[in-house]
C-alpha atoms as a PDB file:
ATOM      1  CA  MET A   1     -91.006 104.750 -50.959  1.00  0.00           C
ATOM      2  CA  SER A   2     -93.330 106.925 -48.966  1.00  0.00           C
ATOM      3  CA  GLU A   3     -93.866 105.340 -45.087  1.00  0.00           C
ATOM      4  CA  ALA A   4     -97.437 103.051 -44.910  1.00  0.00           C
ATOM      5  CA  PRO A   5     -99.584 104.308 -42.209  1.00  0.00           C
ATOM      6  CA  GLY A   6     -99.939 100.654 -40.862  1.00  0.00           C
ATOM      7  CA  PRO A   7    -100.165  97.291 -42.117  1.00  0.00           C
ATOM      8  CA  LEU A   8    -102.416  96.819 -45.117  1.00  0.00           C
ATOM      9  CA  VAL A   9    -106.042  94.878 -43.178  1.00  0.00           C
ATOM     10  CA  PRO A  10    -108.163  93.193 -46.460  1.00  0.00           C
ATOM     11  CA  GLN A  11    -111.921  93.773 -45.173  1.00  0.00           C
ATOM     12  CA  ASP A  12    -112.913  90.044 -45.098  1.00  0.00           C
ATOM     13  CA  PRO A  13    -109.367  88.430 -43.201  1.00  0.00           C
ATOM     14  CA  ARG A  14    -110.386  84.900 -45.294  1.00  0.00           C
ATOM     15  CA  ALA A  15    -108.420  86.918 -47.723  1.00  0.00           C
ATOM     16  CA  LEU A  16    -105.008  87.134 -46.339  1.00  0.00           C
ATOM     17  CA  ALA A  17    -104.861  82.553 -47.274  1.00  0.00           C
ATOM     18  CA  ASP A  18    -105.387  83.964 -51.015  1.00  0.00           C
ATOM     19  CA  TRP A  19    -102.804  86.572 -50.578  1.00  0.00           C
ATOM     20  CA  ARG A  20    -100.052  83.870 -48.322  1.00  0.00           C
ATOM     21  CA  THR A  21    -100.762  81.338 -52.147  1.00  0.00           C
ATOM     22  CA  PHE A  22    -100.390  83.716 -54.145  1.00  0.00           C
ATOM     23  CA  VAL A  23     -97.464  84.890 -52.939  1.00  0.00           C
ATOM     24  CA  ALA A  24     -96.022  81.289 -51.781  1.00  0.00           C
ATOM     25  CA  ARG A  25     -96.610  79.384 -54.827  1.00  0.00           C
ATOM     26  CA  ILE A  26     -94.670  82.977 -56.577  1.00  0.00           C
ATOM     27  CA  GLN A  27     -91.547  82.212 -54.296  1.00  0.00           C
ATOM     28  CA  HIS A  28     -91.831  78.053 -55.103  1.00  0.00           C
ATOM     29  CA  ALA A  29     -91.943  79.092 -58.859  1.00  0.00           C
ATOM     30  CA  GLU A  30     -88.554  81.831 -58.507  1.00  0.00           C
ATOM     31  CA  ALA A  31     -86.017  82.073 -55.697  1.00  0.00           C
ATOM     32  CA  ASP A  32     -85.779  85.956 -55.321  1.00  0.00           C
ATOM     33  CA  ALA A  33     -89.185  86.857 -57.067  1.00  0.00           C
ATOM     34  CA  ALA A  34     -90.738  90.331 -56.788  1.00  0.00           C
ATOM     35  CA  VAL A  35     -94.251  90.570 -55.886  1.00  0.00           C
ATOM     36  CA  ARG A  36     -95.824  94.294 -57.135  1.00  0.00           C
ATOM     37  CA  LEU A  37     -98.008  95.833 -54.015  1.00  0.00           C
ATOM     38  CA  SER A  38     -99.727  98.950 -55.251  1.00  0.00           C
ATOM     39  CA  VAL A  39    -103.372 101.042 -53.818  1.00  0.00           C
ATOM     40  CA  THR A  40    -106.164 102.783 -55.236  1.00  0.00           C
ATOM     41  CA  GLY A  41    -108.440 103.371 -53.700  1.00  0.00           C
ATOM     42  CA  ASP A  42    -108.997 100.269 -50.522  1.00  0.00           C
ATOM     43  CA  VAL A  43    -108.461  97.866 -54.018  1.00  0.00           C
ATOM     44  CA  LEU A  44    -104.905  96.606 -52.840  1.00  0.00           C
ATOM     45  CA  VAL A  45    -103.592  95.066 -56.548  1.00  0.00           C
ATOM     46  CA  LEU A  46    -100.633  92.548 -56.259  1.00  0.00           C
ATOM     47  CA  THR A  47     -98.244  90.875 -59.187  1.00  0.00           C
ATOM     48  CA  ALA A  48     -96.153  88.773 -59.655  1.00  0.00           C
ATOM     49  CA  ALA A  49     -94.155  87.524 -63.292  1.00  0.00           C
ATOM     50  CA  PRO A  50     -93.521  83.902 -63.401  1.00  0.00           C
ATOM     51  CA  LEU A  51     -92.354  84.584 -66.555  1.00  0.00           C
ATOM     52  CA  HIS A  52     -90.339  88.293 -68.165  1.00  0.00           C
ATOM     53  CA  PRO A  53     -87.197  88.704 -70.669  1.00  0.00           C
ATOM     54  CA  ARG A  54     -84.493  89.104 -68.281  1.00  0.00           C
ATOM     55  CA  GLY A  55     -83.040  91.835 -70.353  1.00  0.00           C
ATOM     56  CA  LEU A  56     -82.790  93.732 -74.098  1.00  0.00           C
ATOM     57  CA  GLY A  57     -82.947  91.397 -76.920  1.00  0.00           C
ATOM     58  CA  ASP A  58     -84.418  88.440 -74.668  1.00  0.00           C
ATOM     59  CA  SER A  59     -87.321  86.297 -76.279  1.00  0.00           C
ATOM     60  CA  MET A  60     -88.617  85.678 -73.104  1.00  0.00           C
ATOM     61  CA  PRO A  61     -92.641  86.520 -72.986  1.00  0.00           C
ATOM     62  CA  LEU A  62     -93.459  88.869 -70.107  1.00  0.00           C
ATOM     63  CA  VAL A  63     -96.055  87.024 -68.332  1.00  0.00           C
ATOM     64  CA  LEU A  64     -97.313  88.881 -65.297  1.00  0.00           C
ATOM     65  CA  GLY A  65     -99.964  87.816 -62.727  1.00  0.00           C
ATOM     66  CA  MET A  66    -102.504  89.797 -61.075  1.00  0.00           C
ATOM     67  CA  ARG A  67    -104.222  89.683 -57.654  1.00  0.00           C
ATOM     68  CA  MET A  68    -107.272  91.282 -56.443  1.00  0.00           C
ATOM     69  CA  LEU A  69    -108.697  92.889 -53.246  1.00  0.00           C
ATOM     70  CA  ARG A  70    -110.324  95.241 -51.138  1.00  0.00           C
ATOM     71  CA  LEU A  71    -108.876  97.079 -48.306  1.00  0.00           C
ATOM     72  CA  ALA A  72    -110.724  97.524 -44.361  1.00  0.00           C
ATOM     73  CA  ASP A  73    -110.017 101.110 -45.352  1.00  0.00           C
ATOM     74  CA  SER A  74    -108.259 103.074 -47.801  1.00  0.00           C
ATOM     75  CA  GLY A  75    -106.127 104.846 -45.524  1.00  0.00           C
ATOM     76  CA  HIS A  76    -103.156 103.149 -48.083  1.00  0.00           C
ATOM     77  CA  ASP A  77    -104.089 105.049 -51.139  1.00  0.00           C
ATOM     78  CA  GLY A  78    -101.277 105.532 -53.381  1.00  0.00           C
ATOM     79  CA  LEU A  79     -98.694 102.862 -51.839  1.00  0.00           C
ATOM     80  CA  ASP A  80     -96.804 101.419 -55.076  1.00  0.00           C
ATOM     81  CA  ALA A  81     -93.852  99.230 -53.577  1.00  0.00           C
ATOM     82  CA  VAL A  82     -92.031  96.198 -55.015  1.00  0.00           C
ATOM     83  CA  VAL A  83     -90.471  94.155 -52.018  1.00  0.00           C
ATOM     84  CA  GLU A  84     -89.188  90.268 -51.873  1.00  0.00           C
ATOM     85  CA  ALA A  85     -91.656  87.583 -52.256  1.00  0.00           C
ATOM     86  CA  ARG A  86     -89.490  85.798 -48.789  1.00  0.00           C
ATOM     87  CA  ALA A  87     -89.966  89.029 -47.569  1.00  0.00           C
ATOM     88  CA  LEU A  88     -94.173  88.847 -47.190  1.00  0.00           C
ATOM     89  CA  LEU A  89     -93.737  85.647 -46.612  1.00  0.00           C
ATOM     90  CA  ASP A  90     -92.321  86.052 -43.568  1.00  0.00           C
ATOM     91  CA  ARG A  91     -94.486  88.415 -42.184  1.00  0.00           C
ATOM     92  CA  PHE A  92     -97.279  85.697 -43.010  1.00  0.00           C
ATOM     93  CA  ALA A  93     -95.532  82.752 -40.375  1.00  0.00           C
ATOM     94  CA  ARG A  94     -94.964  85.862 -37.582  1.00  0.00           C
ATOM     95  CA  ILE A  95     -99.131  86.586 -38.239  1.00  0.00           C
ATOM     96  CA  GLU A  96     -99.419  82.479 -37.796  1.00  0.00           C
ATOM     97  CA  ALA A  97     -96.823  82.212 -35.100  1.00  0.00           C
ATOM     98  CA  GLY A  98     -98.857  84.892 -33.531  1.00  0.00           C
ATOM     99  CA  ALA A  99     -95.319  85.670 -32.752  1.00  0.00           C
ATOM    100  CA  PRO A 100     -93.834  89.718 -32.199  1.00  0.00           C
ATOM    101  CA  GLY A 101     -93.754  92.004 -34.975  1.00  0.00           C
ATOM    102  CA  ALA A 102     -97.209  90.310 -36.310  1.00  0.00           C
ATOM    103  CA  ALA A 103     -99.302  93.285 -37.565  1.00  0.00           C
ATOM    104  CA  SER A 104    -102.703  93.395 -35.881  1.00  0.00           C
ATOM    105  CA  ALA A 105    -105.463  96.612 -35.371  1.00  0.00           C
ATOM    106  CA  ALA A 106    -105.815  96.180 -32.123  1.00  0.00           C
ATOM    107  CA  ALA A 107    -109.178  98.144 -31.520  1.00  0.00           C
ATOM    108  CA  SER A 108    -110.832  95.734 -34.240  1.00  0.00           C
ATOM    109  CA  ASP A 109    -108.468  92.747 -34.240  1.00  0.00           C
ATOM    110  CA  ALA A 110    -107.800  92.725 -38.007  1.00  0.00           C
ATOM    111  CA  VAL A 111    -104.835  91.904 -38.850  1.00  0.00           C
ATOM    112  CA  GLY A 112    -102.950  92.877 -41.352  1.00  0.00           C
ATOM    113  CA  VAL A 113     -99.567  92.870 -43.305  1.00  0.00           C
ATOM    114  CA  ALA A 114     -96.843  95.523 -42.822  1.00  0.00           C
ATOM    115  CA  VAL A 115     -95.265  96.273 -45.765  1.00  0.00           C
ATOM    116  CA  PRO A 116     -91.627  95.364 -46.364  1.00  0.00           C
ATOM    117  CA  PRO A 117     -89.325  98.648 -45.518  1.00  0.00           C
ATOM    118  CA  VAL A 118     -86.966  97.069 -48.296  1.00  0.00           C
ATOM    119  CA  GLU A 119     -88.103  97.562 -51.605  1.00  0.00           C
ATOM    120  CA  VAL A 120     -86.242  95.734 -54.983  1.00  0.00           C
ATOM    121  CA  LYS A 121     -85.887  96.329 -58.755  1.00  0.00           C
ATOM    122  CA  ALA A 122     -88.208  94.140 -61.026  1.00  0.00           C
ATOM    123  CA  ALA A 123     -87.663  95.259 -64.684  1.00  0.00           C
ATOM    124  CA  TRP A 124     -90.804  94.006 -65.242  1.00  0.00           C
ATOM    125  CA  ALA A 125     -92.214  95.956 -62.216  1.00  0.00           C
ATOM    126  CA  GLY A 126     -92.050  99.298 -64.904  1.00  0.00           C
ATOM    127  CA  ILE A 127     -94.151  97.956 -67.329  1.00  0.00           C
ATOM    128  CA  SER A 128     -97.694  99.214 -66.453  1.00  0.00           C
ATOM    129  CA  PRO A 129    -100.251  96.821 -68.256  1.00  0.00           C
ATOM    130  CA  PRO A 130    -103.445  98.966 -69.844  1.00  0.00           C
ATOM    131  CA  ARG A 131    -106.476  99.902 -67.578  1.00  0.00           C
ATOM    132  CA  GLY A 132    -108.661  99.821 -70.749  1.00  0.00           C
ATOM    133  CA  PRO A 133    -110.437  99.261 -72.458  1.00  0.00           C
ATOM    134  CA  TRP A 134    -110.360  95.806 -72.640  1.00  0.00           C
ATOM    135  CA  GLU A 135    -112.582  93.961 -75.378  1.00  0.00           C
ATOM    136  CA  PRO A 136    -113.580  90.354 -75.313  1.00  0.00           C
ATOM    137  CA  VAL A 137    -112.078  88.312 -77.957  1.00  0.00           C
ATOM    138  CA  GLY A 138    -114.054  84.459 -76.286  1.00  0.00           C
ATOM    139  CA  THR A 139    -113.122  81.529 -74.154  1.00  0.00           C
ATOM    140  CA  LEU A 140    -111.086  79.036 -73.767  1.00  0.00           C
ATOM    141  CA  SER A 141    -111.001  75.726 -72.099  1.00  0.00           C
ATOM    142  CA  VAL A 142    -109.467  75.821 -68.497  1.00  0.00           C
ATOM    143  CA  ARG A 143    -108.384  71.945 -68.774  1.00  0.00           C
ATOM    144  CA  ARG A 144    -106.878  72.378 -72.472  1.00  0.00           C
ATOM    145  CA  LEU A 145    -104.099  75.961 -71.136  1.00  0.00           C
ATOM    146  CA  ALA A 146    -103.530  72.918 -67.593  1.00  0.00           C
ATOM    147  CA  GLU A 147    -102.641  70.307 -70.266  1.00  0.00           C
ATOM    148  CA  ALA A 148    -100.498  72.434 -72.131  1.00  0.00           C
ATOM    149  CA  ALA A 149     -99.279  74.071 -68.962  1.00  0.00           C
ATOM    150  CA  GLU A 150     -98.361  70.812 -67.839  1.00  0.00           C
ATOM    151  CA  ALA A 151     -96.704  69.656 -71.418  1.00  0.00           C
ATOM    152  CA  GLY A 152     -94.416  72.744 -71.380  1.00  0.00           C
ATOM    153  CA  ILE A 153     -93.359  71.647 -68.046  1.00  0.00           C
ATOM    154  CA  ALA A 154     -92.036  68.475 -68.261  1.00  0.00           C
ATOM    155  CA  GLU A 155     -90.804  68.943 -71.950  1.00  0.00           C
ATOM    156  CA  VAL A 156     -88.555  71.692 -69.981  1.00  0.00           C
ATOM    157  CA  ALA A 157     -87.690  69.219 -67.754  1.00  0.00           C
ATOM    158  CA  GLU A 158     -86.570  66.211 -69.700  1.00  0.00           C
ATOM    159  CA  GLY A 159     -84.741  68.298 -71.963  1.00  0.00           C
ATOM    160  CA  THR A 160     -82.283  69.715 -69.285  1.00  0.00           C
ATOM    161  CA  PRO A 161     -80.883  67.168 -67.429  1.00  0.00           C
ATOM    162  CA  SER A 162     -78.621  67.232 -64.963  1.00  0.00           C
ATOM    163  CA  GLY A 163     -75.904  69.337 -65.505  1.00  0.00           C
ATOM    164  CA  ALA A 164     -77.152  71.643 -68.132  1.00  0.00           C
ATOM    165  CA  GLY A 165     -76.431  74.611 -68.199  1.00  0.00           C
ATOM    166  CA  SER A 166     -78.470  77.960 -67.040  1.00  0.00           C
ATOM    167  CA  HIS A 167     -78.048  79.009 -70.616  1.00  0.00           C
ATOM    168  CA  ALA A 168     -79.428  75.660 -72.256  1.00  0.00           C
ATOM    169  CA  VAL A 169     -82.150  75.985 -69.918  1.00  0.00           C
ATOM    170  CA  GLU A 170     -83.718  79.379 -70.564  1.00  0.00           C
ATOM    171  CA  ALA A 171     -82.979  78.973 -74.140  1.00  0.00           C
ATOM    172  CA  LEU A 172     -85.632  75.561 -74.077  1.00  0.00           C
ATOM    173  CA  ARG A 173     -87.821  78.203 -71.587  1.00  0.00           C
ATOM    174  CA  ARG A 174     -87.846  80.494 -74.379  1.00  0.00           C
ATOM    175  CA  GLN A 175     -88.689  77.988 -77.216  1.00  0.00           C
ATOM    176  CA  VAL A 176     -91.401  76.120 -75.035  1.00  0.00           C
ATOM    177  CA  TRP A 177     -93.028  79.199 -73.347  1.00  0.00           C
ATOM    178  CA  SER A 178     -92.996  81.218 -76.591  1.00  0.00           C
ATOM    179  CA  ARG A 179     -95.238  78.538 -78.395  1.00  0.00           C
ATOM    180  CA  THR A 180     -99.114  79.013 -78.991  1.00  0.00           C
ATOM    181  CA  ALA A 181    -100.809  76.933 -76.308  1.00  0.00           C
ATOM    182  CA  ALA A 182    -104.851  77.542 -77.999  1.00  0.00           C
ATOM    183  CA  GLU A 183    -105.956  80.048 -80.428  1.00  0.00           C
ATOM    184  CA  VAL A 184    -109.153  82.066 -79.763  1.00  0.00           C
ATOM    185  CA  VAL A 185    -112.118  82.529 -82.413  1.00  0.00           C
ATOM    186  CA  PRO A 186    -113.613  86.691 -81.773  1.00  0.00           C
ATOM    187  CA  ALA A 187    -117.216  85.801 -82.482  1.00  0.00           C
ATOM    188  CA  GLU A 188    -118.190  88.865 -84.133  1.00  0.00           C
ATOM    189  CA  ASP A 189    -115.015  87.386 -86.680  1.00  0.00           C
ATOM    190  CA  ALA A 190    -116.104  83.354 -86.575  1.00  0.00           C
ATOM    191  CA  HIS A 191    -115.989  83.167 -90.465  1.00  0.00           C
ATOM    192  CA  ALA A 192    -113.610  86.274 -91.359  1.00  0.00           C
ATOM    193  CA  ALA A 193    -109.924  84.158 -92.208  1.00  0.00           C
ATOM    194  CA  GLY A 194    -106.770  84.947 -90.576  1.00  0.00           C
ATOM    195  CA  ALA A 195    -109.082  86.073 -87.186  1.00  0.00           C
ATOM    196  CA  ARG A 196    -107.266  83.776 -84.582  1.00  0.00           C
ATOM    197  CA  VAL A 197    -105.701  85.079 -81.842  1.00  0.00           C
ATOM    198  CA  PRO A 198    -103.081  82.788 -80.194  1.00  0.00           C
ATOM    199  CA  VAL A 199    -102.628  82.332 -76.997  1.00  0.00           C
ATOM    200  CA  SER A 200     -98.770  81.809 -75.606  1.00  0.00           C
ATOM    201  CA  ALA A 201     -98.165  78.461 -73.653  1.00  0.00           C
ATOM    202  CA  GLY A 202     -96.546  81.259 -71.429  1.00  0.00           C
ATOM    203  CA  ALA A 203     -99.843  82.589 -70.427  1.00  0.00           C
ATOM    204  CA  ALA A 204    -100.883  79.027 -69.480  1.00  0.00           C
ATOM    205  CA  PHE A 205     -98.362  78.854 -67.465  1.00  0.00           C
ATOM    206  CA  GLY A 206     -98.339  81.127 -65.129  1.00  0.00           C
ATOM    207  CA  ALA A 207    -102.246  80.599 -64.647  1.00  0.00           C
ATOM    208  CA  HIS A 208    -100.865  77.101 -63.496  1.00  0.00           C
ATOM    209  CA  VAL A 209     -97.531  78.656 -61.385  1.00  0.00           C
ATOM    210  CA  LEU A 210     -99.829  80.963 -59.601  1.00  0.00           C
ATOM    211  CA  GLY A 211    -102.738  77.970 -58.977  1.00  0.00           C
ATOM    212  CA  PHE A 212    -105.699  80.031 -60.769  1.00  0.00           C
ATOM    213  CA  LEU A 213    -106.217  76.919 -62.785  1.00  0.00           C
ATOM    214  CA  GLY A 214    -107.745  75.053 -59.765  1.00  0.00           C
ATOM    215  CA  ARG A 215    -108.636  71.532 -60.548  1.00  0.00           C
ATOM    216  CA  ALA A 216    -108.804  71.344 -64.211  1.00  0.00           C
ATOM    217  CA  GLY A 217    -109.271  67.950 -64.929  1.00  0.00           C
ATOM    218  CA  SER A 218    -109.803  66.287 -61.769  1.00  0.00           C
ATOM    219  CA  HIS A 219    -112.376  64.130 -60.951  1.00  0.00           C
ATOM    220  CA  GLU A 220    -115.089  64.172 -57.812  1.00  0.00           C
ATOM    221  CA  ALA A 221    -116.449  61.665 -55.983  1.00  0.00           C
ATOM    222  CA  GLY A 222    -117.710  58.464 -57.953  1.00  0.00           C
ATOM    223  CA  GLY A 223    -115.683  59.061 -60.911  1.00  0.00           C
ATOM    224  CA  HIS A 224    -116.477  62.168 -62.668  1.00  0.00           C
ATOM    225  CA  ALA A 225    -115.303  64.728 -64.677  1.00  0.00           C
ATOM    226  CA  ARG A 226    -115.539  68.113 -62.753  1.00  0.00           C
ATOM    227  CA  PRO A 227    -117.146  71.125 -65.543  1.00  0.00           C
ATOM    228  CA  ASP A 228    -114.196  72.827 -67.625  1.00  0.00           C
ATOM    229  CA  PRO A 229    -114.737  76.253 -66.579  1.00  0.00           C
ATOM    230  CA  ARG A 230    -114.176  78.604 -69.649  1.00  0.00           C
ATOM    231  CA  VAL A 231    -111.685  81.648 -68.940  1.00  0.00           C
ATOM    232  CA  ARG A 232    -112.472  84.803 -70.448  1.00  0.00           C
ATOM    233  CA  VAL A 233    -109.359  86.293 -73.235  1.00  0.00           C
ATOM    234  CA  LEU A 234    -109.579  89.868 -73.578  1.00  0.00           C
ATOM    235  CA  ARG A 235    -107.625  92.007 -75.335  1.00  0.00           C
ATOM    236  CA  CYS A 236    -106.372  95.830 -75.234  1.00  0.00           C
ATOM    237  CA  GLY A 237    -103.368  96.996 -78.014  1.00  0.00           C
ATOM    238  CA  VAL A 238    -100.618  95.018 -77.286  1.00  0.00           C
ATOM    239  CA  TRP A 239    -101.876  92.891 -73.974  1.00  0.00           C
ATOM    240  CA  GLN A 240    -104.221  90.717 -73.658  1.00  0.00           C
ATOM    241  CA  ARG A 241    -105.338  89.317 -70.284  1.00  0.00           C
ATOM    242  CA  LEU A 242    -107.314  85.432 -69.444  1.00  0.00           C
ATOM    243  CA  SER A 243    -109.680  86.427 -65.905  1.00  0.00           C
ATOM    244  CA  LEU A 244    -110.190  83.398 -63.865  1.00  0.00           C
ATOM    245  CA  PRO A 245    -112.315  83.373 -60.721  1.00  0.00           C
ATOM    246  CA  GLY A 246    -108.854  82.620 -59.087  1.00  0.00           C
ATOM    247  CA  GLY A 247    -106.896  86.117 -61.002  1.00  0.00           C
ATOM    248  CA  HIS A 248    -105.989  87.285 -64.206  1.00  0.00           C
ATOM    249  CA  ILE A 249    -102.828  86.607 -66.618  1.00  0.00           C
ATOM    250  CA  LEU A 250    -101.480  89.778 -68.674  1.00  0.00           C
ATOM    251  CA  THR A 251     -99.080  89.016 -71.312  1.00  0.00           C
ATOM    252  CA  ARG A 252     -97.868  91.140 -74.133  1.00  0.00           C
END
């Protein structure tokens, strides 16, 4: 990794909180989680993998979570680094504490995050989703995805009692997250047999883990159910993308 010209400073300071939440969530899901930081122009793309195969022959689906934010300038154009999530969280902790080592641009009082100097290897980071063209497929209910994620989490928890070996746990996780959670019927093929496009439970899990589903299924004051937003489903070759307000989930 070439040396970065300084901290990554978001154009909107409020984006730091979203960035920290993204990293904290993937760290909570996997102790040794990694985050890919890639910059094109003045756009920083954060990528993490809530689910990924551990090697050749592993049937665990590849599920990538992606969030984008605009930087204050394009000085980091071309940056592409894979770093430990815990290293990023350490930098956020320094910023929050105002401790020495917190990165800031004194001239503008803008606060940014220094890129950790040590890169890590993550097999999933070598797989880049296509930039497009992405073909719209249809939409799904956010609540449907939330229910699928919660049901899968409960099944894994119930099926892996205390003392269960790691191989048994991973086998159950592969089985649960490889299933189809929902199906989308492309509008142009609504009357065509076999036109349904499956969306995996793993994609639902990824959206849930990273907080992209929001407060699906919750109620407002007075007991009224919140409107159930829709998730856009798109495809490009063997890849599928779920686009939500909080970010994107990509699977293949």
